[in-house]
Structures are given as structure tokens and as C-alpha cells.
Amino acid sequence: METKTYTTIDLRKGMGEILDRTRIAGEAAAITRKGKTLAYLVPADWFERMTASSVATEDRSDTA
């Protein structure tokens, strides 16, 4: 998954476009302020798979 970088100002000005690119094209977005990454915006299905995978891994380690 390719990650595009946007500043917080870019995010404020183009929230709809950035969300569409993330949702439709599956592009992750790094949100930065003063050159430091504050957060990542990822497609919901990707996040849900990662969360489910993490829970499954925790469940397996609890039973071991």
C-alpha cells in the first residue's frame, strides 16, 4: 500500500478528496505537522483486517 503524505493544512483543505483516495483507491495517508508524522489514515477494511488479525494472535497466545 503506497502512503501519500499530507500536512494538516492539506487535510483541512482537501478532507473529502483525501478520504476518497483512501477509501476508493486504497491509498494510505500520513498526516504531518511541522515535518513530524502525527497520524496515518488507512482504508477501513485494511484496519479491520489488521485489528482482527491482532485479536486472533492474542487469542492464540492466551491459550498457549
C-alpha atoms as a PDB file:
ATOM      1  CA  MET A   1       0.000   0.000   0.000  1.00  0.00           C
ATOM      2  CA  GLU A   2       1.518   3.302  -1.090  1.00  0.00           C
ATOM      3  CA  THR A   3       1.499   6.080   1.503  1.00  0.00           C
ATOM      4  CA  LYS A   4       0.913   9.684   0.467  1.00  0.00           C
ATOM      5  CA  THR A   5       1.945  12.495   2.813  1.00  0.00           C
ATOM      6  CA  TYR A   6      -0.306  15.449   3.625  1.00  0.00           C
ATOM      7  CA  THR A   7       0.122  18.326   6.035  1.00  0.00           C
ATOM      8  CA  THR A   8      -2.622  19.196   8.484  1.00  0.00           C
ATOM      9  CA  ILE A   9      -3.400  22.205   6.261  1.00  0.00           C
ATOM     10  CA  ASP A  10      -3.767  19.904   3.228  1.00  0.00           C
ATOM     11  CA  LEU A  11      -6.093  17.751   5.315  1.00  0.00           C
ATOM     12  CA  ARG A  12      -8.263  20.712   6.288  1.00  0.00           C
ATOM     13  CA  LYS A  13      -8.487  21.981   2.714  1.00  0.00           C
ATOM     14  CA  GLY A  14      -8.998  18.630   1.000  1.00  0.00           C
ATOM     15  CA  MET A  15     -10.537  16.260   3.522  1.00  0.00           C
ATOM     16  CA  GLY A  16     -13.123  14.898   1.095  1.00  0.00           C
ATOM     17  CA  GLU A  17     -10.595  14.192  -1.653  1.00  0.00           C
ATOM     18  CA  ILE A  18      -8.111  12.604   0.759  1.00  0.00           C
ATOM     19  CA  LEU A  19     -10.829  10.382   2.247  1.00  0.00           C
ATOM     20  CA  ASP A  20     -11.967   9.344  -1.235  1.00  0.00           C
ATOM     21  CA  ARG A  21      -8.413   8.485  -2.272  1.00  0.00           C
ATOM     22  CA  THR A  22      -8.040   6.408   0.871  1.00  0.00           C
ATOM     23  CA  ARG A  23     -11.401   4.667   0.567  1.00  0.00           C
ATOM     24  CA  ILE A  24     -11.652   4.177  -3.203  1.00  0.00           C
ATOM     25  CA  ALA A  25      -8.008   3.857  -4.285  1.00  0.00           C
ATOM     26  CA  GLY A  26      -6.838   2.191  -1.075  1.00  0.00           C
ATOM     27  CA  GLU A  27      -4.085   4.760  -0.543  1.00  0.00           C
ATOM     28  CA  ALA A  28      -2.810   5.274   2.985  1.00  0.00           C
ATOM     29  CA  ALA A  29      -2.101   8.849   4.073  1.00  0.00           C
ATOM     30  CA  ALA A  30       0.470  10.115   6.546  1.00  0.00           C
ATOM     31  CA  ILE A  31      -0.682  13.321   8.226  1.00  0.00           C
ATOM     32  CA  THR A  32       2.168  15.617   9.240  1.00  0.00           C
ATOM     33  CA  ARG A  33       2.639  18.845  11.158  1.00  0.00           C
ATOM     34  CA  LYS A  34       5.956  20.687  11.134  1.00  0.00           C
ATOM     35  CA  GLY A  35       7.567  17.721   9.404  1.00  0.00           C
ATOM     36  CA  LYS A  36       6.532  15.156  12.015  1.00  0.00           C
ATOM     37  CA  THR A  37       4.009  12.417  11.339  1.00  0.00           C
ATOM     38  CA  LEU A  38       1.001  12.756  13.642  1.00  0.00           C
ATOM     39  CA  ALA A  39      -1.254  10.025  12.317  1.00  0.00           C
ATOM     40  CA  TYR A  40      -1.977   7.653   9.475  1.00  0.00           C
ATOM     41  CA  LEU A  41      -5.248   7.439   7.596  1.00  0.00           C
ATOM     42  CA  VAL A  42      -5.827   3.935   6.199  1.00  0.00           C
ATOM     43  CA  PRO A  43      -8.750   2.250   4.434  1.00  0.00           C
ATOM     44  CA  ALA A  44     -11.313   0.885   6.890  1.00  0.00           C
ATOM     45  CA  ASP A  45     -11.146  -2.674   5.516  1.00  0.00           C
ATOM     46  CA  TRP A  46      -7.347  -2.735   5.958  1.00  0.00           C
ATOM     47  CA  PHE A  47      -7.649  -1.511   9.561  1.00  0.00           C
ATOM     48  CA  GLU A  48     -10.387  -4.051  10.326  1.00  0.00           C
ATOM     49  CA  ARG A  49      -8.263  -6.913   8.933  1.00  0.00           C
ATOM     50  CA  MET A  50      -5.243  -5.783  10.971  1.00  0.00           C
ATOM     51  CA  THR A  51      -7.357  -5.476  14.121  1.00  0.00           C
ATOM     52  CA  ALA A  52      -8.930  -8.914  13.596  1.00  0.00           C
ATOM     53  CA  SER A  53      -5.504 -10.400  12.919  1.00  0.00           C
ATOM     54  CA  SER A  54      -4.126  -8.837  16.093  1.00  0.00           C
ATOM     55  CA  VAL A  55      -7.034 -10.168  18.179  1.00  0.00           C
ATOM     56  CA  ALA A  56      -6.609 -13.652  16.678  1.00  0.00           C
ATOM     57  CA  THR A  57      -2.898 -13.592  17.531  1.00  0.00           C
ATOM     58  CA  GLU A  58      -3.652 -12.518  21.119  1.00  0.00           C
ATOM     59  CA  ASP A  59      -6.279 -15.262  21.440  1.00  0.00           C
ATOM     60  CA  ARG A  60      -3.770 -17.907  20.306  1.00  0.00           C
ATOM     61  CA  SER A  61      -1.128 -16.689  22.763  1.00  0.00           C
ATOM     62  CA  ASP A  62      -3.655 -16.759  25.626  1.00  0.00           C
ATOM     63  CA  THR A  63      -4.346 -20.454  25.024  1.00  0.00           C
ATOM     64  CA  ALA A  64      -0.691 -21.459  24.778  1.00  0.00           C
END
